[in-house]
């Protein structure tokens, strides 16, 4: 049973995280606009790690693909 869970876990690529600075650069928007889009749910909310806010890169890419931004 453990072998199955280990092999299935290795099939998923590791998550990449982006800081607010990198998200803003990728989307060509300001930091205040980024948080406004999070507030109106156009973009996903960041994960909080201490004082840091991190976005999952695949979620930002998905928002770009669906032309939410």
N, C-alpha and C. Protein backbone atom coordinates (compact mmCIF):
# COMPACT_ATOMS: atom_id res chain seq x y z
N UNK A 1 0.83 -1.19 0.00
CA UNK A 1 0.00 0.00 0.00
C UNK A 1 0.87 1.25 0.00
N UNK A 2 1.95 1.26 0.73
CA UNK A 2 2.82 2.42 0.75
C UNK A 2 3.46 2.64 -0.61
N UNK A 3 3.79 1.60 -1.30
CA UNK A 3 4.41 1.76 -2.61
C UNK A 3 3.49 2.49 -3.58
N UNK A 4 2.20 2.18 -3.53
CA UNK A 4 1.26 2.85 -4.41
C UNK A 4 1.22 4.35 -4.13
N UNK A 5 1.17 4.72 -2.85
CA UNK A 5 1.08 6.13 -2.53
C UNK A 5 2.38 6.86 -2.88
N UNK A 6 3.51 6.20 -2.72
CA UNK A 6 4.78 6.82 -3.09
C UNK A 6 4.88 7.00 -4.60
N UNK A 7 4.46 6.01 -5.35
CA UNK A 7 4.57 6.12 -6.81
C UNK A 7 3.58 7.15 -7.35
N UNK A 8 2.38 7.24 -6.77
CA UNK A 8 1.42 8.23 -7.25
C UNK A 8 1.87 9.64 -6.88
N UNK A 9 2.54 9.78 -5.75
CA UNK A 9 3.04 11.10 -5.36
C UNK A 9 4.15 11.57 -6.28
N UNK A 10 4.93 10.64 -6.80
CA UNK A 10 6.04 11.03 -7.67
C UNK A 10 5.56 11.41 -9.08
N UNK A 11 4.31 11.13 -9.40
CA UNK A 11 3.76 11.46 -10.72
C UNK A 11 3.39 12.94 -10.82
N UNK A 12 3.20 13.61 -9.70
CA UNK A 12 2.82 15.02 -9.70
C UNK A 12 4.07 15.88 -9.60
N UNK A 13 4.19 16.87 -10.48
CA UNK A 13 5.34 17.76 -10.37
C UNK A 13 5.24 18.61 -9.11
N UNK A 14 6.35 19.04 -8.56
CA UNK A 14 6.29 19.88 -7.36
C UNK A 14 5.65 21.22 -7.68
N UNK A 15 4.94 21.78 -6.71
CA UNK A 15 4.29 23.08 -6.90
C UNK A 15 5.33 24.18 -6.91
N UNK A 16 5.10 25.15 -7.76
CA UNK A 16 5.94 26.34 -7.80
C UNK A 16 5.15 27.49 -7.20
N UNK A 17 5.80 28.31 -6.43
CA UNK A 17 5.14 29.42 -5.77
C UNK A 17 5.69 30.75 -6.27
N UNK A 18 4.83 31.75 -6.32
CA UNK A 18 5.21 33.08 -6.77
C UNK A 18 4.93 34.10 -5.68
N UNK A 19 5.82 35.05 -5.53
CA UNK A 19 5.59 36.16 -4.62
C UNK A 19 4.69 37.18 -5.30
N UNK A 20 4.20 38.14 -4.53
CA UNK A 20 3.37 39.20 -5.10
C UNK A 20 4.12 39.94 -6.20
N UNK A 21 5.40 40.18 -5.98
CA UNK A 21 6.22 40.87 -6.97
C UNK A 21 6.24 40.11 -8.30
N UNK A 22 6.40 38.79 -8.23
CA UNK A 22 6.45 37.98 -9.45
C UNK A 22 5.09 37.88 -10.13
N UNK A 23 4.02 37.79 -9.34
CA UNK A 23 2.67 37.75 -9.92
C UNK A 23 2.39 39.07 -10.64
N UNK A 24 2.72 40.17 -9.99
CA UNK A 24 2.50 41.49 -10.61
C UNK A 24 3.28 41.62 -11.91
N UNK A 25 4.51 41.16 -11.91
CA UNK A 25 5.33 41.23 -13.11
C UNK A 25 4.76 40.36 -14.23
N UNK A 26 4.31 39.16 -13.87
CA UNK A 26 3.75 38.21 -14.85
C UNK A 26 2.46 38.77 -15.47
N UNK A 27 1.66 39.46 -14.66
CA UNK A 27 0.36 39.97 -15.12
C UNK A 27 0.42 41.43 -15.59
N UNK A 28 1.56 42.07 -15.38
CA UNK A 28 1.72 43.50 -15.73
C UNK A 28 0.68 44.36 -15.02
N UNK A 29 0.56 44.15 -13.71
CA UNK A 29 -0.37 44.93 -12.90
C UNK A 29 0.36 45.41 -11.65
N UNK A 30 -0.22 46.40 -10.98
CA UNK A 30 0.36 46.91 -9.74
C UNK A 30 -0.02 45.99 -8.57
N UNK A 31 0.70 46.17 -7.48
CA UNK A 31 0.41 45.38 -6.28
C UNK A 31 -1.00 45.66 -5.76
N UNK A 32 -1.42 46.92 -5.78
CA UNK A 32 -2.76 47.24 -5.29
C UNK A 32 -3.83 46.62 -6.20
N UNK A 33 -3.57 46.59 -7.50
CA UNK A 33 -4.49 45.96 -8.44
C UNK A 33 -4.54 44.44 -8.20
N UNK A 34 -3.40 43.86 -7.88
CA UNK A 34 -3.34 42.42 -7.58
C UNK A 34 -4.28 42.10 -6.41
N UNK A 35 -4.14 42.86 -5.32
CA UNK A 35 -4.98 42.57 -4.15
C UNK A 35 -6.45 42.92 -4.40
N UNK A 36 -6.72 43.87 -5.27
CA UNK A 36 -8.12 44.17 -5.63
C UNK A 36 -8.72 42.98 -6.38
N UNK A 37 -7.92 42.37 -7.25
CA UNK A 37 -8.40 41.20 -8.00
C UNK A 37 -8.59 39.99 -7.11
N UNK A 38 -7.77 39.88 -6.07
CA UNK A 38 -7.95 38.81 -5.09
C UNK A 38 -9.24 39.06 -4.31
N UNK A 39 -9.46 40.32 -3.93
CA UNK A 39 -10.66 40.66 -3.16
C UNK A 39 -11.94 40.38 -3.93
N UNK A 40 -11.96 40.70 -5.25
CA UNK A 40 -13.17 40.44 -6.04
C UNK A 40 -13.19 39.04 -6.64
N UNK A 41 -12.24 38.20 -6.20
CA UNK A 41 -12.16 36.78 -6.57
C UNK A 41 -11.86 36.54 -8.05
N UNK A 42 -11.27 37.54 -8.73
CA UNK A 42 -10.80 37.35 -10.10
C UNK A 42 -9.54 36.49 -10.09
N UNK A 43 -8.74 36.65 -9.04
CA UNK A 43 -7.53 35.85 -8.85
C UNK A 43 -7.65 35.08 -7.55
N UNK A 44 -6.95 33.93 -7.46
CA UNK A 44 -7.02 33.15 -6.22
C UNK A 44 -6.31 33.87 -5.08
N UNK A 45 -6.73 33.59 -3.89
CA UNK A 45 -6.09 34.15 -2.70
C UNK A 45 -4.73 33.51 -2.51
N UNK A 46 -3.80 34.26 -1.94
CA UNK A 46 -2.47 33.69 -1.71
C UNK A 46 -2.47 32.78 -0.49
N UNK A 47 -1.46 31.95 -0.43
CA UNK A 47 -1.19 31.16 0.76
C UNK A 47 -0.34 32.05 1.67
N UNK A 48 -0.59 32.00 2.94
CA UNK A 48 0.18 32.81 3.87
C UNK A 48 1.22 31.92 4.55
N UNK A 49 2.45 32.36 4.51
CA UNK A 49 3.54 31.67 5.18
C UNK A 49 4.25 32.71 6.04
N UNK A 50 3.87 32.76 7.31
CA UNK A 50 4.36 33.84 8.16
C UNK A 50 3.81 35.16 7.65
N UNK A 51 4.70 36.09 7.34
CA UNK A 51 4.28 37.38 6.78
C UNK A 51 4.24 37.37 5.27
N UNK A 52 4.67 36.28 4.66
CA UNK A 52 4.75 36.20 3.20
C UNK A 52 3.44 35.73 2.59
N UNK A 53 3.14 36.26 1.42
CA UNK A 53 1.99 35.81 0.62
C UNK A 53 2.55 35.13 -0.61
N UNK A 54 2.13 33.90 -0.85
CA UNK A 54 2.62 33.14 -1.99
C UNK A 54 1.45 32.60 -2.79
N UNK A 55 1.55 32.71 -4.11
CA UNK A 55 0.53 32.19 -5.02
C UNK A 55 1.06 30.95 -5.69
N UNK A 56 0.17 29.98 -5.91
CA UNK A 56 0.54 28.77 -6.64
C UNK A 56 0.58 29.14 -8.12
N UNK A 57 1.73 28.91 -8.74
CA UNK A 57 1.94 29.34 -10.12
C UNK A 57 0.90 28.76 -11.07
N UNK A 58 0.52 27.50 -10.89
CA UNK A 58 -0.45 26.88 -11.79
C UNK A 58 -1.82 27.56 -11.70
N UNK A 59 -2.18 28.06 -10.51
CA UNK A 59 -3.46 28.78 -10.36
C UNK A 59 -3.43 30.12 -11.08
N UNK A 60 -2.28 30.79 -11.05
CA UNK A 60 -2.14 32.06 -11.77
C UNK A 60 -2.18 31.80 -13.28
N UNK A 61 -1.51 30.74 -13.72
CA UNK A 61 -1.53 30.37 -15.14
C UNK A 61 -2.96 30.05 -15.59
N UNK A 62 -3.72 29.36 -14.74
CA UNK A 62 -5.11 29.03 -15.06
C UNK A 62 -5.95 30.30 -15.20
N UNK A 63 -5.71 31.28 -14.33
CA UNK A 63 -6.45 32.55 -14.41
C UNK A 63 -6.11 33.28 -15.71
N UNK A 64 -4.86 33.21 -16.12
CA UNK A 64 -4.45 33.82 -17.39
C UNK A 64 -5.14 33.13 -18.56
N UNK A 65 -5.18 31.81 -18.53
CA UNK A 65 -5.79 31.04 -19.62
C UNK A 65 -7.29 31.31 -19.74
N UNK A 66 -7.97 31.49 -18.62
CA UNK A 66 -9.41 31.75 -18.70
C UNK A 66 -9.68 33.24 -18.88
N UNK A 67 -8.60 34.00 -19.08
CA UNK A 67 -8.67 35.43 -19.38
C UNK A 67 -9.37 36.21 -18.28
N UNK A 68 -9.14 35.79 -17.04
CA UNK A 68 -9.70 36.51 -15.90
C UNK A 68 -8.94 37.80 -15.64
N UNK A 69 -7.74 37.86 -16.17
CA UNK A 69 -6.88 39.03 -15.91
C UNK A 69 -6.67 39.79 -17.18
